[in-house]
Amino acid sequence: MTQTSAPDFLHDSVSLSLLHQVRSRITFRILVYGGLGIALVLRVVLAIWVPFTDTTEARYGEIARVMVETGDWVTPWFDDGVPFWGKPPLHTWLSAAGMKLFGISEFGARFFILVVSVFCLGVIGKWAALRRGSDVALVAVLICALSLYYFGASAFVMTDMPMVLGLVMSMIGFYEASRGGSAARMWGYLFFAGLAVGLLAKGPTAVVLTGLALTPWLLLGGRWRRLAHLPWVSGLVLTISLAAPWYILAELSTPGFLRYFLIGEHIERFLVPGWAGDLYGVGHERAKGMIWAYAPGVFLPWTPLAIALLVMRPRAVRAAFAEDDWLSYLGFWVLAPLILFTPSANILAAYLLPALPAASLLLAVLWVQIFGLSSRLSRLSLLLPACLALGIYATLAALPVVAPDRIRLKTLRPMVSAIAEIAPNAVLTTFPDRRFSAEFYTTGRAESQSDLTALAALMSNDRLDAVAVRRDYLRRATASLTPGFRNAGTFGRYVLFLERPNLSNKGIGQ
């Protein structure tokens, strides 16, 4: 009778174990790729279905629509004769280009912002693969893509995602160039090109963020000597050549831009509480240091994993940072926006978005290095937050269709659609404030009014009128609109009034 020898038995056991591990890793990778694909589909659906909301996205969307309408690609316009000096135009160019391609729509305005966000994920993944291999790259992309603020900003019409692109380019380019070698010069040009993208996306803030991340890292351990590897003269020429022309043209087109943008938006906004110099809204006044309180929420759903890593393996984390200059580089990148906005009196949680790529890379590297991906518990610890995030995003994508009345978005799109059906010739006026969503969805035909006397005068003009009144101003506005207007329904935070046909010869539809 033939018996299996001990060496053969052990060999078979090891082979089965290795086969099981391979299958588990393949299954994990398939699940991650599937999750990323679902996330992309959900983000496209949201980009198509969700309307522009006031004030941020509707404002930037309307500015981009006006750029398409006027053909002025130098100066973004906030209102008739009022230039928008608040931000550089890269995000506006992206949104305007999308609307030229797909028509005036939410998806058109959001399309190239989404392209930028997906491109950033690809660059992050490539860099992670170069530094730590494909496992870390896949986990890093998963973490970043499904992070609450990255997913939200990935197709949101605002300045932040283009600035993230610039920062990712400059930080990756600098690190790789600082290591020297035959490709150092080309990596250096990526650094300087990233600075130009940042200057066109957000302005000097992008350069300051980069400097705050690089300075302490360079000073520690004498790394400042690595600066010699970068092509400083030709690189600065590249940055200036890419970014300066727009700044010059903008000042020539609308004198006063440079003073407002460089001093007002980049010094007074952050150091003066309740800054009154904002030409386009109000400052977001918060307690100084509040940016640190925002950080855990910005990194959801991965914050618990990061905390667990620090609590369960503090020595391993410290050892990893001490031995690996790449991890310390990522750490200073994460800290840069926190440090920059700590003394700021006017902040938003979205200001932490530039830290998410580095935070995602850090968590991915440490998690894979310390826990690995061979154990079921380690894999489940990554997949469960991902599934939770996808469930939330799927619910958000479904709500505008299955339960539109249960969500109260700050948008006038439903009202504009109703007016187009029952009174297509009516001109919409919003009271008591300007609503950019009304302007976008009426292609610039909406007006705003804050004076009750002027509101009452709408009854005696020579046009058809519709008035959107904010509900907390309803009592005051009703007296001015009676009896010339009738209540035509409530749309979110606004009540619609339509001009009565029997009090004028304007002929409004019923």
Protein backbone atom coordinates (compact mmCIF):
# COMPACT_ATOMS: atom_id res chain seq x y z
CA MET A 1 0.00 0.00 0.00
CA THR A 2 1.48 3.31 -1.07
CA GLN A 3 1.54 6.03 1.58
CA THR A 4 2.02 9.74 1.04
CA SER A 5 5.35 10.80 2.44
CA ALA A 6 5.57 13.72 4.85
CA PRO A 7 7.43 15.96 2.38
CA ASP A 8 4.82 15.32 -0.32
CA PHE A 9 1.99 16.03 2.11
CA LEU A 10 3.55 19.30 3.21
CA HIS A 11 4.19 20.21 -0.41
CA ASP A 12 0.53 19.63 -1.29
CA SER A 13 -0.62 21.65 1.72
CA VAL A 14 1.62 24.58 0.81
CA SER A 15 0.44 24.43 -2.80
CA LEU A 16 -3.22 24.48 -1.72
CA SER A 17 -2.54 27.39 0.63
CA LEU A 18 -0.78 29.36 -2.10
CA LEU A 19 -3.59 28.61 -4.54
CA HIS A 20 -6.14 29.81 -2.01
CA GLN A 21 -4.18 33.03 -1.46
CA VAL A 22 -3.92 33.65 -5.18
CA ARG A 23 -7.64 33.12 -5.64
CA SER A 24 -8.42 35.41 -2.72
CA ARG A 25 -6.20 38.16 -4.10
CA ILE A 26 -7.74 37.83 -7.57
CA THR A 27 -11.23 38.00 -6.06
CA PHE A 28 -10.23 41.07 -4.03
CA ARG A 29 -8.88 42.83 -7.09
CA ILE A 30 -12.01 42.00 -9.10
CA LEU A 31 -14.18 43.39 -6.30
CA VAL A 32 -12.11 46.58 -6.11
CA TYR A 33 -12.19 47.13 -9.86
CA GLY A 34 -15.92 46.45 -9.82
CA GLY A 35 -16.42 48.95 -7.00
CA LEU A 36 -14.45 51.60 -8.86
CA GLY A 37 -16.52 50.97 -11.98
CA ILE A 38 -19.75 51.30 -10.00
CA ALA A 39 -18.47 54.51 -8.42
CA LEU A 40 -17.74 55.98 -11.86
CA VAL A 41 -21.21 55.06 -13.13
CA LEU A 42 -22.84 56.57 -10.04
CA ARG A 43 -20.83 59.76 -10.41
CA VAL A 44 -21.85 60.10 -14.06
CA VAL A 45 -25.49 59.51 -13.12
CA LEU A 46 -25.30 62.15 -10.41
CA ALA A 47 -23.62 64.56 -12.84
CA ILE A 48 -26.56 64.12 -15.23
CA TRP A 49 -29.49 64.00 -12.80
CA VAL A 50 -28.63 66.36 -9.96
CA PRO A 51 -29.36 70.03 -10.74
CA PHE A 52 -27.04 72.92 -10.00
CA THR A 53 -27.55 74.11 -6.45
CA ASP A 54 -27.08 77.61 -5.14
CA THR A 55 -24.76 79.16 -4.47
CA THR A 56 -21.40 77.64 -5.35
CA GLU A 57 -21.99 75.26 -8.24
CA ALA A 58 -24.80 77.29 -9.82
CA ARG A 59 -22.64 80.41 -9.68
CA TYR A 60 -19.65 78.79 -11.36
CA GLY A 61 -21.90 77.01 -13.85
CA GLU A 62 -23.56 80.29 -14.83
CA ILE A 63 -20.19 82.05 -15.17
CA ALA A 64 -19.08 79.26 -17.52
CA ARG A 65 -22.35 79.50 -19.48
CA VAL A 66 -21.79 83.23 -19.95
CA MET A 67 -18.26 82.49 -21.17
CA VAL A 68 -19.73 80.23 -23.85
CA GLU A 69 -22.36 82.83 -24.73
CA THR A 70 -19.98 85.80 -24.96
CA GLY A 71 -16.97 83.97 -26.35
CA ASP A 72 -14.77 85.86 -23.87
CA TRP A 73 -12.26 83.26 -22.69
CA VAL A 74 -10.04 85.78 -20.89
CA THR A 75 -12.39 87.35 -18.35
CA PRO A 76 -15.05 85.32 -16.57
CA TRP A 77 -18.10 87.55 -15.96
CA PHE A 78 -20.07 87.61 -12.71
CA ASP A 79 -22.80 89.94 -13.99
CA ASP A 80 -23.35 92.47 -16.76
CA GLY A 81 -20.24 94.63 -16.68
CA VAL A 82 -18.93 92.94 -13.51
CA PRO A 83 -15.84 90.74 -14.02
CA PHE A 84 -15.29 87.74 -11.78
CA TRP A 85 -11.96 88.36 -10.10
CA GLY A 86 -12.40 85.79 -7.34
CA LYS A 87 -10.66 82.83 -8.98
CA PRO A 88 -8.50 82.05 -12.04
CA PRO A 89 -10.38 80.58 -14.98
CA LEU A 90 -9.09 77.01 -15.39
CA HIS A 91 -12.23 75.43 -13.95
CA THR A 92 -14.36 77.87 -15.97
CA TRP A 93 -12.50 76.92 -19.14
CA LEU A 94 -13.14 73.24 -18.39
CA SER A 95 -16.85 73.78 -17.79
CA ALA A 96 -17.25 76.07 -20.80
CA ALA A 97 -15.45 73.56 -23.03
CA GLY A 98 -17.77 70.82 -21.79
CA MET A 99 -20.83 72.91 -22.58
CA LYS A 100 -19.45 73.68 -26.03
CA LEU A 101 -19.15 69.93 -26.54
CA PHE A 102 -22.36 68.66 -24.90
CA GLY A 103 -24.57 71.73 -24.87
CA ILE A 104 -25.69 73.98 -22.01
CA SER A 105 -26.38 71.42 -19.30
CA GLU A 106 -25.19 70.24 -15.92
CA PHE A 107 -23.36 67.29 -17.46
CA GLY A 108 -21.62 69.52 -19.98
CA ALA A 109 -20.37 71.81 -17.21
CA ARG A 110 -19.25 68.87 -15.07
CA PHE A 111 -17.75 66.60 -17.73
CA PHE A 112 -14.16 67.83 -17.85
CA ILE A 113 -14.05 68.27 -14.07
CA LEU A 114 -14.84 64.55 -13.90
CA VAL A 115 -12.16 63.82 -16.49
CA VAL A 116 -9.63 65.70 -14.34
CA SER A 117 -10.61 63.74 -11.23
CA VAL A 118 -10.30 60.37 -13.02
CA PHE A 119 -6.96 61.44 -14.49
CA CYS A 120 -5.72 62.35 -11.00
CA LEU A 121 -6.68 58.90 -9.75
CA GLY A 122 -4.76 57.34 -12.62
CA VAL A 123 -1.67 59.40 -11.84
CA ILE A 124 -1.90 58.55 -8.14
CA GLY A 125 -2.20 54.86 -8.98
CA LYS A 126 0.77 54.94 -11.36
CA TRP A 127 2.93 56.66 -8.77
CA ALA A 128 1.90 54.24 -6.03
CA ALA A 129 2.69 51.32 -8.33
CA LEU A 130 6.11 52.80 -9.09
CA ARG A 131 6.93 53.27 -5.41
CA ARG A 132 5.19 50.28 -3.77
CA GLY A 133 3.66 47.94 -6.32
CA SER A 134 0.23 47.18 -7.73
CA ASP A 135 -1.46 46.19 -4.44
CA VAL A 136 -0.77 49.53 -2.81
CA ALA A 137 -1.74 51.33 -6.01
CA LEU A 138 -5.13 49.61 -6.17
CA VAL A 139 -5.91 50.26 -2.50
CA ALA A 140 -4.81 53.90 -2.76
CA VAL A 141 -7.07 54.54 -5.75
CA LEU A 142 -9.98 52.82 -3.98
CA ILE A 143 -9.53 54.94 -0.86
CA CYS A 144 -9.19 58.22 -2.72
CA ALA A 145 -12.00 57.60 -5.23
CA LEU A 146 -14.56 56.68 -2.56
CA SER A 147 -13.58 59.33 -0.03
CA LEU A 148 -16.57 61.51 0.71
CA TYR A 149 -15.14 64.80 -0.50
CA TYR A 150 -13.21 63.42 -3.43
CA PHE A 151 -16.27 61.63 -4.78
CA GLY A 152 -18.37 64.73 -4.29
CA ALA A 153 -15.86 67.10 -5.85
CA SER A 154 -15.02 64.77 -8.73
CA ALA A 155 -17.79 66.23 -10.90
CA PHE A 156 -18.60 69.41 -8.98
CA VAL A 157 -18.21 72.72 -10.80
CA MET A 158 -15.70 74.55 -8.61
CA THR A 159 -12.01 75.38 -8.45
CA ASP A 160 -10.77 72.63 -6.15
CA MET A 161 -10.40 69.60 -8.42
CA PRO A 162 -8.27 71.41 -11.03
CA MET A 163 -6.07 72.65 -8.19
CA VAL A 164 -5.72 69.07 -6.91
CA LEU A 165 -4.46 68.14 -10.37
CA GLY A 166 -1.81 70.85 -10.19
CA LEU A 167 -0.71 69.83 -6.70
CA VAL A 168 -0.53 66.14 -7.64
CA MET A 169 1.61 66.99 -10.66
CA SER A 170 3.96 69.25 -8.71
CA MET A 171 4.36 66.98 -5.67
CA ILE A 172 4.99 63.84 -7.72
CA GLY A 173 7.32 65.68 -10.06
CA PHE A 174 9.35 67.19 -7.23
CA TYR A 175 9.83 63.94 -5.32
CA GLU A 176 10.93 61.95 -8.33
CA ALA A 177 13.18 64.76 -9.59
CA SER A 178 14.79 65.12 -6.16
CA ARG A 179 15.98 61.53 -6.33
CA GLY A 180 18.23 62.35 -9.26
CA GLY A 181 18.92 60.03 -12.14
CA SER A 182 18.58 60.32 -15.89
CA ALA A 183 14.86 61.20 -15.74
CA ALA A 184 15.23 63.89 -13.06
CA ARG A 185 14.99 66.76 -15.52
CA MET A 186 11.72 65.52 -17.01
CA TRP A 187 10.23 64.94 -13.56
CA GLY A 188 11.33 68.46 -12.69
CA TYR A 189 9.39 69.86 -15.62
CA LEU A 190 6.31 68.04 -14.32
CA PHE A 191 6.80 69.88 -11.02
CA PHE A 192 6.95 73.28 -12.70
CA ALA A 193 4.03 72.49 -15.01
CA GLY A 194 2.01 71.51 -11.94
CA LEU A 195 2.75 74.90 -10.38
CA ALA A 196 1.38 76.57 -13.51
CA VAL A 197 -1.78 74.46 -13.37
CA GLY A 198 -2.21 75.42 -9.72
CA LEU A 199 -1.76 79.12 -10.52
CA LEU A 200 -4.43 78.90 -13.21
CA ALA A 201 -6.75 76.85 -11.00
CA LYS A 202 -6.54 78.59 -7.61
CA GLY A 203 -3.76 81.15 -7.75
CA PRO A 204 -0.84 81.62 -5.34
CA THR A 205 -2.54 79.35 -2.79
CA ALA A 206 -1.40 76.36 -4.84
CA VAL A 207 2.23 77.51 -4.71
CA VAL A 208 2.01 78.19 -0.97
CA LEU A 209 0.55 74.73 -0.33
CA THR A 210 3.37 73.14 -2.28
CA GLY A 211 5.96 75.16 -0.40
CA LEU A 212 4.45 74.28 2.99
CA ALA A 213 4.69 70.60 2.15
CA LEU A 214 8.20 70.70 0.70
CA THR A 215 10.02 73.05 3.10
CA PRO A 216 10.00 70.94 6.30
CA TRP A 217 10.69 67.75 4.35
CA LEU A 218 13.71 69.34 2.66
CA LEU A 219 15.08 70.76 5.91
CA LEU A 220 14.97 67.43 7.73
CA GLY A 221 17.99 65.21 7.13
CA GLY A 222 19.70 67.64 4.80
CA ARG A 223 17.38 66.87 1.90
CA TRP A 224 17.71 70.45 0.72
CA ARG A 225 20.76 69.27 -1.23
CA ARG A 226 18.37 67.46 -3.57
CA LEU A 227 17.20 70.82 -4.92
CA ALA A 228 20.18 70.71 -7.26
CA HIS A 229 18.50 67.97 -9.27
CA LEU A 230 15.70 70.26 -10.49
CA PRO A 231 15.95 72.44 -13.65
CA TRP A 232 15.22 75.70 -11.85
CA VAL A 233 15.90 78.22 -14.61
CA SER A 234 14.16 76.46 -17.49
CA GLY A 235 11.48 75.16 -15.10
CA LEU A 236 10.56 78.63 -13.84
CA VAL A 237 10.50 79.83 -17.43
CA LEU A 238 8.02 77.02 -18.15
CA THR A 239 5.80 78.01 -15.20
CA ILE A 240 5.81 81.68 -16.13
CA SER A 241 5.21 80.93 -19.80
CA LEU A 242 2.16 78.82 -18.97
CA ALA A 243 0.57 80.93 -16.22
CA ALA A 244 1.62 84.57 -16.68
CA PRO A 245 -0.08 85.32 -20.01
CA TRP A 246 -3.57 84.95 -18.57
CA TYR A 247 -2.74 87.11 -15.53
CA ILE A 248 -1.42 89.85 -17.81
CA LEU A 249 -4.39 89.67 -20.17
CA ALA A 250 -6.84 89.68 -17.25
CA GLU A 251 -5.31 92.86 -15.79
CA LEU A 252 -5.27 94.54 -19.18
CA SER A 253 -8.88 93.54 -19.82
CA THR A 254 -10.18 94.61 -16.39
CA PRO A 255 -7.70 96.82 -14.49
CA GLY A 256 -7.71 96.23 -10.75
CA PHE A 257 -7.83 92.47 -10.99
CA LEU A 258 -4.33 91.82 -9.66
CA ARG A 259 -4.78 93.98 -6.56
CA TYR A 260 -8.11 92.41 -5.62
CA PHE A 261 -7.08 88.85 -6.38
CA LEU A 262 -3.58 88.82 -4.89
CA ILE A 263 -4.21 90.99 -1.80
CA GLY A 264 -7.93 90.65 -1.14
CA GLU A 265 -8.53 87.01 -1.96
CA HIS A 266 -5.20 85.67 -0.67
CA ILE A 267 -4.42 87.79 2.37
CA GLU A 268 -7.43 89.71 3.63
CA ARG A 269 -9.88 86.83 3.10
CA PHE A 270 -7.93 84.53 5.41
CA LEU A 271 -6.68 86.98 8.01
CA VAL A 272 -9.62 89.38 8.39
CA PRO A 273 -12.63 87.87 10.23
CA GLY A 274 -15.88 88.60 8.41
CA TRP A 275 -13.90 90.14 5.55
CA ALA A 276 -16.15 92.73 3.95
CA GLY A 277 -14.17 93.13 0.76
CA ASP A 278 -15.63 90.11 -0.99
CA LEU A 279 -17.23 91.34 -4.20
CA TYR A 280 -19.08 88.11 -4.87
CA GLY A 281 -20.61 86.90 -1.64
CA VAL A 282 -19.73 86.69 2.02
CA GLY A 283 -16.77 85.23 3.88
CA HIS A 284 -17.20 81.84 5.52
CA GLU A 285 -16.33 82.99 9.04
CA ARG A 286 -15.30 80.18 11.37
CA ALA A 287 -13.26 79.87 14.54
CA LYS A 288 -9.56 79.79 13.81
CA GLY A 289 -8.23 76.25 13.83
CA MET A 290 -11.61 74.82 12.81
CA ILE A 291 -9.98 73.24 9.77
CA TRP A 292 -8.65 70.44 12.03
CA ALA A 293 -12.19 69.56 13.12
CA TYR A 294 -13.20 69.16 9.48
CA ALA A 295 -10.44 66.67 8.69
CA PRO A 296 -12.07 63.46 10.05
CA GLY A 297 -15.26 64.11 8.11
CA VAL A 298 -13.46 64.88 4.89
CA PHE A 299 -11.69 61.49 4.96
CA LEU A 300 -14.83 59.40 5.59
CA PRO A 301 -15.50 56.49 5.29
CA TRP A 302 -11.81 55.73 5.85
CA THR A 303 -11.29 57.73 9.05
CA PRO A 304 -12.05 54.73 11.33
CA LEU A 305 -9.43 52.64 9.49
CA ALA A 306 -6.82 55.35 9.91
CA ILE A 307 -7.62 55.64 13.63
CA ALA A 308 -7.53 51.85 14.03
CA LEU A 309 -4.13 51.71 12.36
CA LEU A 310 -2.71 54.35 14.70
CA VAL A 311 -4.22 52.74 17.82
CA MET A 312 -3.38 49.11 17.00
CA ARG A 313 0.08 49.51 15.47
CA PRO A 314 1.59 52.80 16.69
CA ARG A 315 5.16 51.46 16.82
CA ALA A 316 4.94 50.01 13.33
CA VAL A 317 3.62 53.34 12.02
CA ARG A 318 6.42 55.31 13.70
CA ALA A 319 9.03 52.88 12.40
CA ALA A 320 7.65 53.13 8.88
CA PHE A 321 7.88 56.93 8.93
CA ALA A 322 11.39 56.84 10.39
CA GLU A 323 12.69 54.48 7.73
CA ASP A 324 10.90 55.78 4.65
CA ASP A 325 11.37 59.31 3.34
CA TRP A 326 8.45 58.82 0.92
CA LEU A 327 6.03 58.37 3.82
CA SER A 328 7.31 61.50 5.53
CA TYR A 329 6.93 63.33 2.21
CA LEU A 330 3.28 62.24 2.03
CA GLY A 331 2.81 63.18 5.67
CA PHE A 332 3.94 66.76 5.13
CA TRP A 333 1.71 66.91 2.04
CA VAL A 334 -1.28 65.98 4.23
CA LEU A 335 -0.35 68.56 6.85
CA ALA A 336 0.18 71.44 4.41
CA PRO A 337 -3.49 72.54 3.98
CA LEU A 338 -4.14 72.01 7.68
CA ILE A 339 -1.25 74.30 8.56
CA LEU A 340 -2.12 76.88 5.91
CA PHE A 341 -5.72 77.27 7.01
CA THR A 342 -5.24 76.98 10.78
CA PRO A 343 -4.98 80.79 11.24
CA SER A 344 -7.69 81.41 8.64
CA ALA A 345 -10.97 83.01 9.69
CA ASN A 346 -12.74 82.10 6.44
CA ILE A 347 -12.63 78.41 5.58
CA LEU A 348 -14.59 75.55 4.06
CA ALA A 349 -14.12 71.81 4.56
CA ALA A 350 -13.41 71.58 0.82
CA TYR A 351 -10.10 73.37 1.44
CA LEU A 352 -8.77 70.00 2.65
CA LEU A 353 -9.39 68.31 -0.69
CA PRO A 354 -5.70 68.74 -1.78
CA ALA A 355 -4.67 66.54 1.16
CA LEU A 356 -6.80 63.55 0.11
CA PRO A 357 -4.46 62.04 -2.52
CA ALA A 358 -1.58 62.00 -0.03
CA ALA A 359 -3.78 60.74 2.82
CA SER A 360 -5.06 57.94 0.59
CA LEU A 361 -1.52 56.94 -0.39
CA LEU A 362 -0.40 57.00 3.24
CA LEU A 363 -3.24 54.83 4.48
CA ALA A 364 -2.80 52.39 1.59
CA VAL A 365 0.96 52.02 2.09
CA LEU A 366 0.74 51.58 5.86
CA TRP A 367 -2.23 49.23 5.72
CA VAL A 368 -0.70 46.92 3.13
CA GLN A 369 2.75 47.09 4.75
CA ILE A 370 1.52 46.38 8.29
CA PHE A 371 -1.53 44.15 7.77
CA GLY A 372 -1.01 42.89 4.22
CA LEU A 373 -3.80 41.71 1.95
CA SER A 374 -3.46 37.97 2.54
CA SER A 375 -5.85 37.80 5.50
CA ARG A 376 -9.61 37.85 5.05
CA LEU A 377 -9.96 40.37 7.90
CA SER A 378 -7.59 42.83 6.23
CA ARG A 379 -9.44 42.62 2.94
CA LEU A 380 -12.85 42.93 4.58
CA SER A 381 -11.65 45.96 6.54
CA LEU A 382 -11.08 47.71 3.21
CA LEU A 383 -14.12 46.38 1.38
CA LEU A 384 -16.73 47.16 4.05
CA PRO A 385 -16.14 50.96 4.08
CA ALA A 386 -16.09 50.86 0.29
CA CYS A 387 -19.46 49.09 0.21
CA LEU A 388 -20.86 51.56 2.73
CA ALA A 389 -19.72 54.49 0.60
CA LEU A 390 -21.14 52.94 -2.58
CA GLY A 391 -24.45 52.35 -0.83
CA ILE A 392 -24.65 55.99 0.21
CA TYR A 393 -23.72 57.24 -3.25
CA ALA A 394 -26.24 54.88 -4.90
CA THR A 395 -28.97 56.22 -2.60
CA LEU A 396 -28.04 59.79 -3.49
CA ALA A 397 -28.15 58.91 -7.19
CA ALA A 398 -31.62 57.37 -6.85
CA LEU A 399 -33.27 60.09 -4.76
CA PRO A 400 -33.73 62.69 -7.53
CA VAL A 401 -35.71 60.10 -9.50
CA VAL A 402 -37.56 57.94 -6.96
CA ALA A 403 -38.25 60.60 -4.32
CA PRO A 404 -37.68 64.09 -5.74
CA ASP A 405 -40.02 65.68 -3.17
CA ARG A 406 -38.05 64.25 -0.27
CA ILE A 407 -34.86 66.09 -1.07
CA ARG A 408 -34.67 69.83 -0.67
CA LEU A 409 -31.96 70.99 -2.99
CA LYS A 410 -31.20 74.67 -3.16
CA THR A 411 -32.11 74.96 -6.81
CA LEU A 412 -34.79 76.64 -8.91
CA ARG A 413 -34.63 74.16 -11.79
CA PRO A 414 -38.08 72.62 -11.02
CA MET A 415 -39.61 76.09 -10.85
CA VAL A 416 -38.05 77.17 -14.14
CA SER A 417 -39.38 73.98 -15.75
CA ALA A 418 -42.88 74.69 -14.42
CA ILE A 419 -42.81 78.26 -15.73
CA ALA A 420 -41.69 77.02 -19.15
CA GLU A 421 -44.81 74.83 -19.30
CA ILE A 422 -47.50 77.24 -18.05
CA ALA A 423 -46.06 80.64 -18.89
CA PRO A 424 -43.20 80.26 -21.40
CA ASN A 425 -42.94 83.99 -22.11
CA ALA A 426 -42.70 85.04 -18.46
CA VAL A 427 -39.54 86.65 -17.08
CA LEU A 428 -38.51 85.23 -13.71
CA THR A 429 -37.52 87.55 -10.87
CA THR A 430 -36.10 86.15 -7.62
CA PHE A 431 -36.72 87.89 -4.30
CA PRO A 432 -34.94 88.95 -2.13
CA ASP A 433 -31.61 87.65 -3.46
CA ARG A 434 -29.93 86.56 -6.63
CA ARG A 435 -30.24 82.90 -7.58
CA PHE A 436 -27.65 81.69 -10.05
CA SER A 437 -29.58 78.49 -10.68
CA ALA A 438 -32.47 80.60 -11.98
CA GLU A 439 -30.10 82.44 -14.32
CA PHE A 440 -28.50 79.23 -15.59
CA TYR A 441 -31.77 77.41 -16.29
CA THR A 442 -33.33 80.44 -17.98
CA THR A 443 -30.10 80.99 -19.99
CA GLY A 444 -29.59 84.39 -18.43
CA ARG A 445 -33.19 85.69 -18.55
CA ALA A 446 -33.79 85.64 -14.78
CA GLU A 447 -33.46 88.78 -12.68
CA SER A 448 -33.26 89.48 -8.97
CA GLN A 449 -34.86 92.12 -6.80
CA SER A 450 -34.51 93.08 -3.14
CA ASP A 451 -36.72 96.17 -3.05
CA LEU A 452 -40.46 95.78 -2.29
CA THR A 453 -41.41 98.89 -4.24
CA ALA A 454 -39.64 97.61 -7.33
CA LEU A 455 -41.34 94.26 -6.80
CA ALA A 456 -44.79 95.91 -6.84
CA ALA A 457 -43.84 97.79 -10.02
CA LEU A 458 -43.66 94.50 -11.92
CA MET A 459 -47.44 94.66 -12.28
CA SER A 460 -47.24 97.78 -14.42
CA ASN A 461 -44.44 96.88 -16.85
CA ASP A 462 -44.96 95.68 -20.39
CA ARG A 463 -43.96 92.04 -19.98
CA LEU A 464 -45.14 88.82 -18.41
CA ASP A 465 -43.66 88.23 -14.97
CA ALA A 466 -43.08 85.37 -12.60
CA VAL A 467 -41.66 85.94 -9.12
CA ALA A 468 -39.83 83.44 -6.91
CA VAL A 469 -40.12 84.52 -3.28
CA ARG A 470 -38.06 82.95 -0.55
CA ARG A 471 -40.42 81.50 2.03
CA ASP A 472 -39.05 83.48 4.96
CA TYR A 473 -39.88 86.68 3.02
CA LEU A 474 -43.34 85.51 1.94
CA ARG A 475 -45.40 87.74 4.23
CA ARG A 476 -43.59 90.91 3.18
CA ALA A 477 -43.63 90.09 -0.52
CA THR A 478 -47.28 89.02 -0.70
CA ALA A 479 -48.55 92.50 0.07
CA SER A 480 -46.55 93.95 -2.80
CA LEU A 481 -47.65 91.27 -5.27
CA THR A 482 -51.38 91.28 -4.46
CA PRO A 483 -53.66 91.43 -6.43
CA GLY A 484 -51.60 91.28 -9.61
CA PHE A 485 -50.08 87.84 -8.97
CA ARG A 486 -51.43 84.46 -7.92
CA ASN A 487 -49.67 81.81 -5.87
CA ALA A 488 -48.66 79.04 -8.26
CA GLY A 489 -47.06 76.64 -5.77
CA THR A 490 -44.06 75.99 -3.58
CA PHE A 491 -40.73 74.77 -4.94
CA GLY A 492 -38.33 73.93 -2.15
CA ARG A 493 -37.46 77.12 -0.30
CA TYR A 494 -39.31 79.34 -2.79
CA VAL A 495 -42.91 80.15 -3.61
CA LEU A 496 -43.81 80.94 -7.21
CA PHE A 497 -46.14 83.82 -8.09
CA LEU A 498 -47.50 84.19 -11.63
CA GLU A 499 -49.00 87.35 -13.04
CA ARG A 500 -52.81 87.22 -13.33
CA PRO A 501 -54.04 87.47 -16.94
CA ASN A 502 -57.19 89.45 -16.18
CA LEU A 503 -55.33 92.42 -14.74
CA SER A 504 -53.29 93.17 -17.83
CA ASN A 505 -53.22 92.50 -21.52
CA LYS A 506 -50.06 90.40 -21.24
CA GLY A 507 -51.84 87.11 -21.72
CA ILE A 508 -50.18 84.72 -19.28
CA GLY A 509 -51.06 81.06 -19.61
CA GLN A 510 -53.17 79.32 -17.01
